[in-house]
PDB file of N, CA and C in Angstrom:
ATOM      1  N   MET A   1    -114.768-113.140 -77.756  1.00  0.00           N
ATOM      2  CA  MET A   1    -113.950-114.596 -76.824  1.00  0.00           C
ATOM      3  C   MET A   1    -112.703-113.581 -76.623  1.00  0.00           C
ATOM      4  N   ARG A   2    -111.440-114.289 -75.419  1.00  0.00           N
ATOM      5  CA  ARG A   2    -110.931-113.680 -74.693  1.00  0.00           C
ATOM      6  C   ARG A   2    -109.522-114.767 -75.376  1.00  0.00           C
ATOM      7  N   ARG A   3    -108.524-114.052 -75.633  1.00  0.00           N
ATOM      8  CA  ARG A   3    -107.387-114.438 -76.146  1.00  0.00           C
ATOM      9  C   ARG A   3    -106.332-114.738 -74.844  1.00  0.00           C
ATOM     10  N   ARG A   4    -105.358-115.910 -75.035  1.00  0.00           N
ATOM     11  CA  ARG A   4    -104.620-116.449 -74.356  1.00  0.00           C
ATOM     12  C   ARG A   4    -103.618-114.901 -73.905  1.00  0.00           C
ATOM     13  N   GLY A   5    -103.412-115.087 -72.722  1.00  0.00           N
ATOM     14  CA  GLY A   5    -102.300-113.861 -72.473  1.00  0.00           C
ATOM     15  C   GLY A   5    -102.775-112.552 -72.483  1.00  0.00           C
ATOM     16  N   ASP A   6    -104.046-112.587 -72.628  1.00  0.00           N
ATOM     17  CA  ASP A   6    -105.156-111.002 -72.454  1.00  0.00           C
ATOM     18  C   ASP A   6    -105.421-110.866 -70.930  1.00  0.00           C
ATOM     19  N   ALA A   7    -104.799-109.998 -70.445  1.00  0.00           N
ATOM     20  CA  ALA A   7    -104.986-109.484 -68.896  1.00  0.00           C
ATOM     21  C   ALA A   7    -106.517-109.296 -68.071  1.00  0.00           C
ATOM     22  N   THR A   8    -107.182-110.051 -69.391  1.00  0.00           N
ATOM     23  CA  THR A   8    -108.725-109.847 -68.662  1.00  0.00           C
ATOM     24  C   THR A   8    -108.635-110.961 -69.109  1.00  0.00           C
ATOM     25  N   ALA A   9    -108.031-112.251 -68.934  1.00  0.00           N
ATOM     26  CA  ALA A   9    -108.682-113.430 -69.366  1.00  0.00           C
ATOM     27  C   ALA A   9    -109.051-113.706 -68.192  1.00  0.00           C
ATOM     28  N   PRO A  10    -109.838-114.936 -68.426  1.00  0.00           N
ATOM     29  CA  PRO A  10    -110.370-115.838 -66.610  1.00  0.00           C
ATOM     30  C   PRO A  10    -108.941-116.272 -65.903  1.00  0.00           C
ATOM     31  N   GLY A  11    -108.977-116.265 -64.748  1.00  0.00           N
ATOM     32  CA  GLY A  11    -107.501-116.543 -63.743  1.00  0.00           C
ATOM     33  C   GLY A  11    -106.556-115.392 -63.923  1.00  0.00           C
ATOM     34  N   ALA A  12    -105.843-114.352 -64.819  1.00  0.00           N
ATOM     35  CA  ALA A  12    -105.057-113.389 -64.686  1.00  0.00           C
ATOM     36  C   ALA A  12    -105.090-113.144 -63.747  1.00  0.00           C
ATOM     37  N   ALA A  13    -106.645-112.613 -62.821  1.00  0.00           N
ATOM     38  CA  ALA A  13    -106.322-111.742 -61.986  1.00  0.00           C
ATOM     39  C   ALA A  13    -105.945-112.482 -60.187  1.00  0.00           C
ATOM     40  N   GLY A  14    -105.574-113.847 -60.879  1.00  0.00           N
ATOM     41  CA  GLY A  14    -105.145-114.440 -59.542  1.00  0.00           C
ATOM     42  C   GLY A  14    -103.983-114.791 -60.018  1.00  0.00           C
ATOM     43  N   LEU A  15    -103.460-114.202 -60.934  1.00  0.00           N
ATOM     44  CA  LEU A  15    -101.651-113.999 -60.647  1.00  0.00           C
ATOM     45  C   LEU A  15    -101.188-113.010 -59.842  1.00  0.00           C
ATOM     46  N   VAL A  16    -100.030-113.830 -59.238  1.00  0.00           N
ATOM     47  CA  VAL A  16     -98.911-112.374 -59.106  1.00  0.00           C
ATOM     48  C   VAL A  16     -97.888-112.683 -58.899  1.00  0.00           C
ATOM     49  N   PRO A  17     -96.987-111.352 -58.873  1.00  0.00           N
ATOM     50  CA  PRO A  17     -95.562-111.415 -59.230  1.00  0.00           C
ATOM     51  C   PRO A  17     -94.680-112.176 -58.132  1.00  0.00           C
ATOM     52  N   VAL A  18     -93.492-113.314 -58.958  1.00  0.00           N
ATOM     53  CA  VAL A  18     -92.887-114.045 -58.362  1.00  0.00           C
ATOM     54  C   VAL A  18     -92.146-113.739 -57.053  1.00  0.00           C
ATOM     55  N   ALA A  19     -91.931-112.101 -56.889  1.00  0.00           N
ATOM     56  CA  ALA A  19     -91.179-111.627 -56.175  1.00  0.00           C
ATOM     57  C   ALA A  19     -92.033-111.194 -54.911  1.00  0.00           C
ATOM     58  N   SER A  20     -93.543-111.042 -55.100  1.00  0.00           N
ATOM     59  CA  SER A  20     -93.891-110.936 -53.938  1.00  0.00           C
ATOM     60  C   SER A  20     -93.983-111.664 -52.981  1.00  0.00           C
ATOM     61  N   VAL A  21     -94.210-113.025 -53.918  1.00  0.00           N
ATOM     62  CA  VAL A  21     -94.524-114.311 -52.708  1.00  0.00           C
ATOM     63  C   VAL A  21     -92.962-114.618 -52.274  1.00  0.00           C
ATOM     64  N   LEU A  22     -91.732-114.772 -52.729  1.00  0.00           N
ATOM     65  CA  LEU A  22     -90.928-115.094 -52.887  1.00  0.00           C
ATOM     66  C   LEU A  22     -89.869-114.048 -51.380  1.00  0.00           C
ATOM     67  N   ASP A  23     -89.984-112.725 -51.970  1.00  0.00           N
ATOM     68  CA  ASP A  23     -89.240-111.589 -50.634  1.00  0.00           C
ATOM     69  C   ASP A  23     -89.998-112.071 -49.383  1.00  0.00           C
ATOM     70  N   PRO A  24     -91.120-112.153 -48.900  1.00  0.00           N
ATOM     71  CA  PRO A  24     -91.980-112.763 -47.610  1.00  0.00           C
ATOM     72  C   PRO A  24     -91.264-113.885 -47.376  1.00  0.00           C
ATOM     73  N   MET A  25     -91.350-115.229 -47.652  1.00  0.00           N
ATOM     74  CA  MET A  25     -90.669-116.421 -48.035  1.00  0.00           C
ATOM     75  C   MET A  25     -89.018-116.422 -47.130  1.00  0.00           C
ATOM     76  N   LEU A  26     -88.552-115.827 -47.926  1.00  0.00           N
ATOM     77  CA  LEU A  26     -87.540-115.667 -47.832  1.00  0.00           C
ATOM     78  C   LEU A  26     -86.810-115.147 -46.179  1.00  0.00           C
ATOM     79  N   ALA A  27     -87.079-113.733 -46.304  1.00  0.00           N
ATOM     80  CA  ALA A  27     -87.523-113.231 -45.161  1.00  0.00           C
ATOM     81  C   ALA A  27     -87.841-113.965 -43.825  1.00  0.00           C
ATOM     82  N   GLY A  28     -88.810-114.413 -44.043  1.00  0.00           N
ATOM     83  CA  GLY A  28     -88.993-115.241 -42.998  1.00  0.00           C
ATOM     84  C   GLY A  28     -87.990-116.811 -42.820  1.00  0.00           C
ATOM     85  N   LEU A  29     -87.208-117.037 -43.342  1.00  0.00           N
ATOM     86  CA  LEU A  29     -86.549-117.759 -43.296  1.00  0.00           C
ATOM     87  C   LEU A  29     -84.880-117.206 -42.554  1.00  0.00           C
ATOM     88  N   LYS A  30     -85.158-116.060 -42.315  1.00  0.00           N
ATOM     89  CA  LYS A  30     -84.069-115.250 -42.064  1.00  0.00           C
ATOM     90  C   LYS A  30     -82.308-115.793 -42.389  1.00  0.00           C
ATOM     91  N   LEU A  31     -82.033-116.161 -43.614  1.00  0.00           N
ATOM     92  CA  LEU A  31     -81.311-116.532 -44.441  1.00  0.00           C
ATOM     93  C   LEU A  31     -79.907-115.690 -43.871  1.00  0.00           C
ATOM     94  N   GLU A  32     -80.242-114.459 -43.863  1.00  0.00           N
ATOM     95  CA  GLU A  32     -78.955-113.879 -43.624  1.00  0.00           C
ATOM     96  C   GLU A  32     -78.428-113.626 -42.414  1.00  0.00           C
ATOM     97  N   GLU A  33     -79.107-113.558 -41.133  1.00  0.00           N
ATOM     98  CA  GLU A  33     -78.911-114.329 -40.026  1.00  0.00           C
ATOM     99  C   GLU A  33     -78.556-115.184 -39.648  1.00  0.00           C
ATOM    100  N   ARG A  34     -78.955-116.916 -40.150  1.00  0.00           N
ATOM    101  CA  ARG A  34     -77.931-117.955 -40.376  1.00  0.00           C
ATOM    102  C   ARG A  34     -76.746-117.966 -40.803  1.00  0.00           C
ATOM    103  N   PHE A  35     -76.585-117.423 -41.862  1.00  0.00           N
ATOM    104  CA  PHE A  35     -75.468-117.528 -42.703  1.00  0.00           C
ATOM    105  C   PHE A  35     -74.435-116.420 -41.390  1.00  0.00           C
ATOM    106  N   ALA A  36     -74.668-115.001 -41.009  1.00  0.00           N
ATOM    107  CA  ALA A  36     -73.952-114.694 -40.049  1.00  0.00           C
ATOM    108  C   ALA A  36     -73.500-115.949 -38.616  1.00  0.00           C
ATOM    109  N   ALA A  37     -74.875-116.090 -38.442  1.00  0.00           N
ATOM    110  CA  ALA A  37     -74.463-116.688 -37.166  1.00  0.00           C
ATOM    111  C   ALA A  37     -73.374-118.211 -37.744  1.00  0.00           C
ATOM    112  N   ALA A  38     -73.443-118.664 -38.274  1.00  0.00           N
ATOM    113  CA  ALA A  38     -72.823-119.669 -38.458  1.00  0.00           C
ATOM    114  C   ALA A  38     -71.392-119.190 -39.356  1.00  0.00           C
ATOM    115  N   HIS A  39     -70.758-117.749 -39.047  1.00  0.00           N
ATOM    116  CA  HIS A  39     -69.579-117.688 -39.356  1.00  0.00           C
ATOM    117  C   HIS A  39     -68.834-117.491 -37.858  1.00  0.00           C
ATOM    118  N   ALA A  40     -69.771-118.004 -37.090  1.00  0.00           N
ATOM    119  CA  ALA A  40     -68.999-117.891 -36.124  1.00  0.00           C
ATOM    120  C   ALA A  40     -68.306-118.831 -36.064  1.00  0.00           C
ATOM    121  N   THR A  41     -68.615-120.121 -36.016  1.00  0.00           N
ATOM    122  CA  THR A  41     -67.840-121.344 -36.678  1.00  0.00           C
ATOM    123  C   THR A  41     -66.254-120.998 -37.545  1.00  0.00           C
ATOM    124  N   GLU A  42     -66.240-120.350 -37.916  1.00  0.00           N
ATOM    125  CA  GLU A  42     -64.952-119.748 -38.676  1.00  0.00           C
ATOM    126  C   GLU A  42     -64.821-118.636 -37.759  1.00  0.00           C
ATOM    127  N   LEU A  43     -65.255-118.097 -37.207  1.00  0.00           N
ATOM    128  CA  LEU A  43     -64.388-117.193 -35.920  1.00  0.00           C
ATOM    129  C   LEU A  43     -63.491-118.174 -34.261  1.00  0.00           C
ATOM    130  N   TRP A  44     -64.297-119.115 -34.305  1.00  0.00           N
ATOM    131  CA  TRP A  44     -63.950-120.020 -33.446  1.00  0.00           C
ATOM    132  C   TRP A  44     -62.445-120.197 -32.825  1.00  0.00           C
ATOM    133  N   ALA A  45     -61.752-120.202 -34.129  1.00  0.00           N
ATOM    134  CA  ALA A  45     -60.135-120.261 -34.102  1.00  0.00           C
ATOM    135  C   ALA A  45     -59.555-119.213 -33.852  1.00  0.00           C
ATOM    136  N   ASP A  46     -59.870-117.976 -34.049  1.00  0.00           N
ATOM    137  CA  ASP A  46     -59.465-116.811 -33.778  1.00  0.00           C
ATOM    138  C   ASP A  46     -59.859-115.793 -32.505  1.00  0.00           C
ATOM    139  N   VAL A  47     -60.927-116.785 -32.230  1.00  0.00           N
ATOM    140  CA  VAL A  47     -61.040-115.912 -30.438  1.00  0.00           C
ATOM    141  C   VAL A  47     -60.132-117.426 -29.255  1.00  0.00           C
ATOM    142  N   VAL A  48     -60.354-118.172 -29.418  1.00  0.00           N
ATOM    143  CA  VAL A  48     -59.798-119.203 -28.376  1.00  0.00           C
ATOM    144  C   VAL A  48     -58.226-119.489 -28.822  1.00  0.00           C
ATOM    145  N   THR A  49     -57.557-120.162 -27.772  1.00  0.00           N
ATOM    146  CA  THR A  49     -56.121-119.868 -27.784  1.00  0.00           C
ATOM    147  C   THR A  49     -55.696-121.172 -29.251  1.00  0.00           C
ATOM    148  N   PRO A  50     -54.823-121.244 -29.752  1.00  0.00           N
ATOM    149  CA  PRO A  50     -53.762-121.983 -30.156  1.00  0.00           C
ATOM    150  C   PRO A  50     -54.554-123.178 -29.590  1.00  0.00           C
ATOM    151  N   GLU A  51     -54.169-123.428 -28.467  1.00  0.00           N
ATOM    152  CA  GLU A  51     -54.300-124.912 -27.540  1.00  0.00           C
ATOM    153  C   GLU A  51     -55.409-125.234 -27.520  1.00  0.00           C
ATOM    154  N   THR A  52     -56.562-124.441 -27.258  1.00  0.00           N
ATOM    155  CA  THR A  52     -58.190-124.860 -27.169  1.00  0.00           C
ATOM    156  C   THR A  52     -58.045-125.423 -28.786  1.00  0.00           C
ATOM    157  N   ALA A  53     -57.918-124.901 -29.754  1.00  0.00           N
ATOM    158  CA  ALA A  53     -58.426-124.864 -31.500  1.00  0.00           C
ATOM    159  C   ALA A  53     -57.617-125.979 -31.733  1.00  0.00           C
ATOM    160  N   ARG A  54     -56.965-126.597 -31.221  1.00  0.00           N
ATOM    161  CA  ARG A  54     -56.354-127.979 -31.424  1.00  0.00           C
ATOM    162  C   ARG A  54     -57.501-128.729 -30.284  1.00  0.00           C
ATOM    163  N   ARG A  55     -57.899-128.729 -29.217  1.00  0.00           N
ATOM    164  CA  ARG A  55     -58.657-129.633 -28.784  1.00  0.00           C
ATOM    165  C   ARG A  55     -60.315-129.568 -28.585  1.00  0.00           C
ATOM    166  N   ALA A  56     -60.571-128.270 -29.429  1.00  0.00           N
ATOM    167  CA  ALA A  56     -61.740-128.343 -29.679  1.00  0.00           C
ATOM    168  C   ALA A  56     -62.148-127.251 -30.696  1.00  0.00           C
ATOM    169  N   ARG A  57     -63.536-127.721 -31.927  1.00  0.00           N
ATOM    170  CA  ARG A  57     -63.586-127.184 -32.975  1.00  0.00           C
ATOM    171  C   ARG A  57     -64.929-126.674 -33.252  1.00  0.00           C
ATOM    172  N   ALA A  58     -65.515-125.987 -33.234  1.00  0.00           N
ATOM    173  CA  ALA A  58     -66.945-125.656 -33.886  1.00  0.00           C
ATOM    174  C   ALA A  58     -67.452-126.211 -34.557  1.00  0.00           C
ATOM    175  N   VAL A  59     -68.782-126.909 -35.050  1.00  0.00           N
ATOM    176  CA  VAL A  59     -68.916-127.490 -36.064  1.00  0.00           C
ATOM    177  C   VAL A  59     -70.542-127.158 -36.309  1.00  0.00           C
ATOM    178  N   GLY A  60     -71.228-125.696 -35.893  1.00  0.00           N
ATOM    179  CA  GLY A  60     -72.082-125.691 -36.320  1.00  0.00           C
ATOM    180  C   GLY A  60     -73.193-124.659 -35.997  1.00  0.00           C
ATOM    181  N   VAL A  61     -74.476-123.996 -35.935  1.00  0.00           N
ATOM    182  CA  VAL A  61     -74.965-123.180 -35.220  1.00  0.00           C
ATOM    183  C   VAL A  61     -76.543-123.961 -35.397  1.00  0.00           C
ATOM    184  N   ARG A  62     -77.079-124.325 -34.447  1.00  0.00           N
ATOM    185  CA  ARG A  62     -78.568-124.563 -34.523  1.00  0.00           C
ATOM    186  C   ARG A  62     -79.361-123.909 -33.083  1.00  0.00           C
ATOM    187  N   GLY A  63     -80.402-123.152 -33.650  1.00  0.00           N
ATOM    188  CA  GLY A  63     -81.301-122.775 -32.346  1.00  0.00           C
ATOM    189  C   GLY A  63     -80.279-121.419 -31.786  1.00  0.00           C
ATOM    190  N   GLY A  64     -79.597-120.755 -32.513  1.00  0.00           N
ATOM    191  CA  GLY A  64     -78.636-119.749 -31.584  1.00  0.00           C
ATOM    192  C   GLY A  64     -77.408-120.233 -30.592  1.00  0.00           C
ATOM    193  N   GLU A  65     -77.482-121.265 -30.800  1.00  0.00           N
ATOM    194  CA  GLU A  65     -76.342-122.270 -30.251  1.00  0.00           C
ATOM    195  C   GLU A  65     -75.089-122.715 -30.705  1.00  0.00           C
ATOM    196  N   LEU A  66     -73.935-121.835 -30.664  1.00  0.00           N
ATOM    197  CA  LEU A  66     -72.876-122.637 -30.867  1.00  0.00           C
ATOM    198  C   LEU A  66     -72.604-124.079 -30.499  1.00  0.00           C
ATOM    199  N   LEU A  67     -72.372-125.422 -31.689  1.00  0.00           N
ATOM    200  CA  LEU A  67     -71.727-126.488 -31.095  1.00  0.00           C
ATOM    201  C   LEU A  67     -70.248-126.655 -31.466  1.00  0.00           C
ATOM    202  N   VAL A  68     -70.127-127.367 -30.064  1.00  0.00           N
ATOM    203  CA  VAL A  68     -68.406-127.231 -30.404  1.00  0.00           C
ATOM    204  C   VAL A  68     -68.073-128.999 -29.639  1.00  0.00           C
ATOM    205  N   GLU A  69     -67.087-129.685 -30.760  1.00  0.00           N
ATOM    206  CA  GLU A  69     -66.466-130.723 -30.308  1.00  0.00           C
ATOM    207  C   GLU A  69     -65.839-130.596 -29.340  1.00  0.00           C
ATOM    208  N   VAL A  70     -65.491-131.277 -28.221  1.00  0.00           N
ATOM    209  CA  VAL A  70     -64.269-130.987 -27.353  1.00  0.00           C
ATOM    210  C   VAL A  70     -63.712-132.553 -27.246  1.00  0.00           C
ATOM    211  N   ARG A  71     -62.252-132.398 -27.368  1.00  0.00           N
ATOM    212  CA  ARG A  71     -61.473-133.817 -27.031  1.00  0.00           C
ATOM    213  C   ARG A  71     -61.502-133.884 -25.772  1.00  0.00           C
ATOM    214  N   GLY A  72     -61.204-134.796 -24.860  1.00  0.00           N
ATOM    215  CA  GLY A  72     -61.267-135.009 -23.771  1.00  0.00           C
ATOM    216  C   GLY A  72     -62.137-134.188 -22.503  1.00  0.00           C
ATOM    217  N   SER A  73     -62.169-134.671 -21.324  1.00  0.00           N
ATOM    218  CA  SER A  73     -63.430-134.602 -20.381  1.00  0.00           C
ATOM    219  C   SER A  73     -62.343-132.847 -19.251  1.00  0.00           C
ATOM    220  N   VAL A  74     -61.015-133.202 -19.496  1.00  0.00           N
ATOM    221  CA  VAL A  74     -60.160-132.331 -18.911  1.00  0.00           C
ATOM    222  C   VAL A  74     -60.412-131.148 -19.742  1.00  0.00           C
ATOM    223  N   TRP A  75     -60.520-130.884 -21.078  1.00  0.00           N
ATOM    224  CA  TRP A  75     -60.711-129.824 -21.959  1.00  0.00           C
ATOM    225  C   TRP A  75     -62.097-129.457 -21.644  1.00  0.00           C
ATOM    226  N   MET A  76     -63.304-130.496 -21.816  1.00  0.00           N
ATOM    227  CA  MET A  76     -64.245-129.898 -21.412  1.00  0.00           C
ATOM    228  C   MET A  76     -64.906-129.026 -20.636  1.00  0.00           C
ATOM    229  N   GLY A  77     -64.523-129.317 -19.110  1.00  0.00           N
ATOM    230  CA  GLY A  77     -64.147-128.815 -18.087  1.00  0.00           C
ATOM    231  C   GLY A  77     -63.913-127.458 -17.891  1.00  0.00           C
ATOM    232  N   HIS A  78     -62.729-127.339 -18.664  1.00  0.00           N
ATOM    233  CA  HIS A  78     -61.588-126.589 -18.662  1.00  0.00           C
ATOM    234  C   HIS A  78     -62.844-124.949 -19.868  1.00  0.00           C
ATOM    235  N   LEU A  79     -62.985-125.870 -21.096  1.00  0.00           N
ATOM    236  CA  LEU A  79     -64.247-124.587 -21.535  1.00  0.00           C
ATOM    237  C   LEU A  79     -65.678-124.475 -20.774  1.00  0.00           C
ATOM    238  N   ALA A  80     -65.988-125.608 -20.465  1.00  0.00           N
ATOM    239  CA  ALA A  80     -67.017-124.876 -19.838  1.00  0.00           C
ATOM    240  C   ALA A  80     -66.984-123.558 -18.494  1.00  0.00           C
ATOM    241  N   VAL A  81     -65.415-123.353 -17.843  1.00  0.00           N
ATOM    242  CA  VAL A  81     -65.232-122.303 -17.416  1.00  0.00           C
ATOM    243  C   VAL A  81     -65.306-121.198 -18.247  1.00  0.00           C
ATOM    244  N   LEU A  82     -64.620-121.121 -19.589  1.00  0.00           N
ATOM    245  CA  LEU A  82     -64.434-120.095 -20.062  1.00  0.00           C
ATOM    246  C   LEU A  82     -64.912-119.688 -21.258  1.00  0.00           C
ATOM    247  N   ARG A  83     -66.275-120.643 -20.909  1.00  0.00           N
ATOM    248  CA  ARG A  83     -67.292-120.750 -22.382  1.00  0.00           C
ATOM    249  C   ARG A  83     -68.221-119.166 -22.094  1.00  0.00           C
ATOM    250  N   GLN A  84     -68.523-118.112 -21.539  1.00  0.00           N
ATOM    251  CA  GLN A  84     -69.004-117.242 -21.298  1.00  0.00           C
ATOM    252  C   GLN A  84     -68.436-116.235 -21.998  1.00  0.00           C
ATOM    253  N   GLY A  85     -67.177-116.520 -21.418  1.00  0.00           N
ATOM    254  CA  GLY A  85     -65.927-115.276 -22.018  1.00  0.00           C
ATOM    255  C   GLY A  85     -65.724-115.789 -23.520  1.00  0.00           C
ATOM    256  N   ILE A  86     -66.215-116.648 -24.068  1.00  0.00           N
ATOM    257  CA  ILE A  86     -65.998-116.829 -25.379  1.00  0.00           C
ATOM    258  C   ILE A  86     -66.831-116.749 -26.568  1.00  0.00           C
ATOM    259  N   LEU A  87     -68.039-116.833 -25.651  1.00  0.00           N
ATOM    260  CA  LEU A  87     -69.507-116.297 -26.060  1.00  0.00           C
ATOM    261  C   LEU A  87     -69.290-114.731 -26.237  1.00  0.00           C
ATOM    262  N   GLU A  88     -69.022-114.117 -25.148  1.00  0.00           N
ATOM    263  CA  GLU A  88     -69.074-112.657 -25.194  1.00  0.00           C
ATOM    264  C   GLU A  88     -68.107-112.188 -26.453  1.00  0.00           C
ATOM    265  N   GLU A  89     -66.565-113.002 -26.442  1.00  0.00           N
ATOM    266  CA  GLU A  89     -65.553-112.397 -27.703  1.00  0.00           C
ATOM    267  C   GLU A  89     -66.640-112.670 -29.010  1.00  0.00           C
ATOM    268  N   LEU A  90     -67.327-113.876 -28.930  1.00  0.00           N
ATOM    269  CA  LEU A  90     -67.522-114.082 -30.750  1.00  0.00           C
ATOM    270  C   LEU A  90     -69.135-113.275 -30.932  1.00  0.00           C
ATOM    271  N   ASN A  91     -69.932-113.361 -29.757  1.00  0.00           N
ATOM    272  CA  ASN A  91     -70.913-111.989 -30.115  1.00  0.00           C
ATOM    273  C   ASN A  91     -70.195-110.442 -30.515  1.00  0.00           C
ATOM    274  N   ALA A  92     -69.315-110.314 -29.621  1.00  0.00           N
ATOM    275  CA  ALA A  92     -68.670-109.014 -30.145  1.00  0.00           C
ATOM    276  C   ALA A  92     -68.093-108.629 -31.621  1.00  0.00           C
ATOM    277  N   ARG A  93     -68.060-109.838 -32.270  1.00  0.00           N
ATOM    278  CA  ARG A  93     -67.526-110.007 -33.286  1.00  0.00           C
ATOM    279  C   ARG A  93     -68.630-110.014 -34.440  1.00  0.00           C
ATOM    280  N   LEU A  94     -69.726-110.849 -34.052  1.00  0.00           N
ATOM    281  CA  LEU A  94     -70.457-110.903 -35.282  1.00  0.00           C
ATOM    282  C   LEU A  94     -71.780-109.581 -35.089  1.00  0.00           C
ATOM    283  N   PRO A  95     -72.897-109.123 -36.443  1.00  0.00           N
ATOM    284  CA  PRO A  95     -73.545-108.889 -36.804  1.00  0.00           C
ATOM    285  C   PRO A  95     -74.462-108.550 -35.497  1.00  0.00           C
ATOM    286  N   GLU A  96     -75.226-107.732 -35.147  1.00  0.00           N
ATOM    287  CA  GLU A  96     -76.647-108.024 -34.314  1.00  0.00           C
ATOM    288  C   GLU A  96     -77.678-108.556 -34.815  1.00  0.00           C
ATOM    289  N   GLY A  97     -77.551-109.015 -35.696  1.00  0.00           N
ATOM    290  CA  GLY A  97     -78.901-110.089 -36.328  1.00  0.00           C
ATOM    291  C   GLY A  97     -78.499-111.833 -35.644  1.00  0.00           C
ATOM    292  N   ALA A  98     -76.999-111.746 -35.180  1.00  0.00           N
ATOM    293  CA  ALA A  98     -76.221-112.797 -35.503  1.00  0.00           C
ATOM    294  C   ALA A  98     -75.798-113.432 -34.263  1.00  0.00           C
ATOM    295  N   LYS A  99     -76.133-112.661 -33.310  1.00  0.00           N
ATOM    296  CA  LYS A  99     -75.549-112.641 -31.890  1.00  0.00           C
ATOM    297  C   LYS A  99     -76.049-114.736 -31.373  1.00  0.00           C
ATOM    298  N   LEU A 100     -74.979-114.872 -31.060  1.00  0.00           N
ATOM    299  CA  LEU A 100     -75.311-116.482 -30.289  1.00  0.00           C
ATOM    300  C   LEU A 100     -75.727-116.168 -28.745  1.00  0.00           C
ATOM    301  N   ARG A 101     -76.313-117.496 -28.525  1.00  0.00           N
ATOM    302  CA  ARG A 101     -77.292-117.399 -26.513  1.00  0.00           C
ATOM    303  C   ARG A 101     -76.478-118.042 -26.302  1.00  0.00           C
ATOM    304  N   ALA A 102     -75.882-118.944 -26.574  1.00  0.00           N
ATOM    305  CA  ALA A 102     -75.149-120.264 -25.769  1.00  0.00           C
ATOM    306  C   ALA A 102     -73.905-120.852 -26.495  1.00  0.00           C
ATOM    307  N   ILE A 103     -73.480-121.633 -26.042  1.00  0.00           N
ATOM    308  CA  ILE A 103     -72.540-122.559 -26.554  1.00  0.00           C
ATOM    309  C   ILE A 103     -72.774-123.674 -25.702  1.00  0.00           C
ATOM    310  N   ARG A 104     -72.835-124.804 -26.691  1.00  0.00           N
ATOM    311  CA  ARG A 104     -73.336-126.541 -26.297  1.00  0.00           C
ATOM    312  C   ARG A 104     -71.855-126.881 -26.380  1.00  0.00           C
ATOM    313  N   LEU A 105     -71.408-127.102 -25.438  1.00  0.00           N
ATOM    314  CA  LEU A 105     -70.156-128.590 -25.857  1.00  0.00           C
ATOM    315  C   LEU A 105     -70.613-129.848 -25.730  1.00  0.00           C
ATOM    316  N   THR A 106     -69.708-130.694 -26.480  1.00  0.00           N
ATOM    317  CA  THR A 106     -70.160-132.025 -26.604  1.00  0.00           C
ATOM    318  C   THR A 106     -69.044-132.550 -26.954  1.00  0.00           C
ATOM    319  N   PRO A 107     -68.774-134.057 -26.560  1.00  0.00           N
ATOM    320  CA  PRO A 107     -67.727-134.938 -26.675  1.00  0.00           C
ATOM    321  C   PRO A 107     -67.612-135.288 -28.126  1.00  0.00           C
ATOM    322  N   MET A 108     -66.227-135.470 -28.279  1.00  0.00           N
ATOM    323  CA  MET A 108     -65.473-135.505 -30.072  1.00  0.00           C
ATOM    324  C   MET A 108     -65.716-136.825 -29.846  1.00  0.00           C
ATOM    325  N   ARG A 109     -66.229-137.631 -31.358  1.00  0.00           N
ATOM    326  CA  ARG A 109     -66.246-138.899 -31.147  1.00  0.00           C
ATOM    327  C   ARG A 109     -64.876-139.640 -31.340  1.00  0.00           C
ATOM    328  N   GLY A 110     -64.229-140.790 -31.340  1.00  0.00           N
ATOM    329  CA  GLY A 110     -63.520-141.612 -31.117  1.00  0.00           C
ATOM    330  C   GLY A 110     -62.576-141.301 -32.751  1.00  0.00           C
ATOM    331  N   LYS A 111     -63.640-141.495 -33.953  1.00  0.00           N
ATOM    332  CA  LYS A 111     -62.974-141.559 -35.147  1.00  0.00           C
ATOM    333  C   LYS A 111     -62.764-140.119 -35.622  1.00  0.00           C
ATOM    334  N   GLU A 112     -63.943-139.433 -35.895  1.00  0.00           N
ATOM    335  CA  GLU A 112     -63.464-137.875 -35.759  1.00  0.00           C
ATOM    336  C   GLU A 112     -62.210-137.294 -34.625  1.00  0.00           C
ATOM    337  N   ASP A 113     -62.085-137.755 -33.877  1.00  0.00           N
ATOM    338  CA  ASP A 113     -60.796-137.164 -32.651  1.00  0.00           C
ATOM    339  C   ASP A 113     -59.889-137.367 -33.524  1.00  0.00           C
ATOM    340  N   ALA A 114     -59.422-138.597 -34.466  1.00  0.00           N
ATOM    341  CA  ALA A 114     -58.108-139.116 -34.882  1.00  0.00           C
ATOM    342  C   ALA A 114     -58.268-138.429 -35.683  1.00  0.00           C
ATOM    343  N   ARG A 115     -59.346-138.275 -36.609  1.00  0.00           N
ATOM    344  CA  ARG A 115     -59.191-136.952 -38.226  1.00  0.00           C
ATOM    345  C   ARG A 115     -58.819-135.799 -37.585  1.00  0.00           C
ATOM    346  N   PHE A 116     -59.388-135.346 -36.343  1.00  0.00           N
ATOM    347  CA  PHE A 116     -59.148-134.062 -36.219  1.00  0.00           C
ATOM    348  C   PHE A 116     -57.614-133.649 -35.895  1.00  0.00           C
ATOM    349  N   GLU A 117     -57.078-134.497 -34.907  1.00  0.00           N
ATOM    350  CA  GLU A 117     -56.184-134.377 -34.660  1.00  0.00           C
ATOM    351  C   GLU A 117     -54.678-134.602 -35.515  1.00  0.00           C
ATOM    352  N   SER A 118     -55.171-135.468 -36.757  1.00  0.00           N
ATOM    353  CA  SER A 118     -54.328-135.564 -37.867  1.00  0.00           C
ATOM    354  C   SER A 118     -54.150-133.860 -39.186  1.00  0.00           C
ATOM    355  N   THR A 119     -55.081-133.391 -38.887  1.00  0.00           N
ATOM    356  CA  THR A 119     -55.186-132.182 -39.851  1.00  0.00           C
ATOM    357  C   THR A 119     -54.848-131.197 -38.891  1.00  0.00           C
ATOM    358  N   ARG A 120     -54.697-130.822 -37.707  1.00  0.00           N
ATOM    359  CA  ARG A 120     -53.716-130.115 -36.988  1.00  0.00           C
ATOM    360  C   ARG A 120     -52.297-129.901 -37.437  1.00  0.00           C
TER     361      ARG A 120
END
């Protein structure tokens, strides 16, 4: 009769080291790339002018797109024109695996707009 913990015990052959399961799973999540891309939200204020930073804020990255909330339609139009240049500057500062493919501009909502202005 085999004892518990014996490598030849039934079911022992089906056990695998945790690392052999976690490593491929973590690699598939591409966490390093996601964290690096999210760094773009922190770079936003360094890349745009101070006036632009007062009117628009980067709020996250989804699917390779930097999400930017913009206060007012005039600034929305202004940033639409500048978007490609800002994207190129951000990508120049990001690591190779974290490049953005686009910047998505969205209107800033009322309450968030007031809260954003009070923090500036």
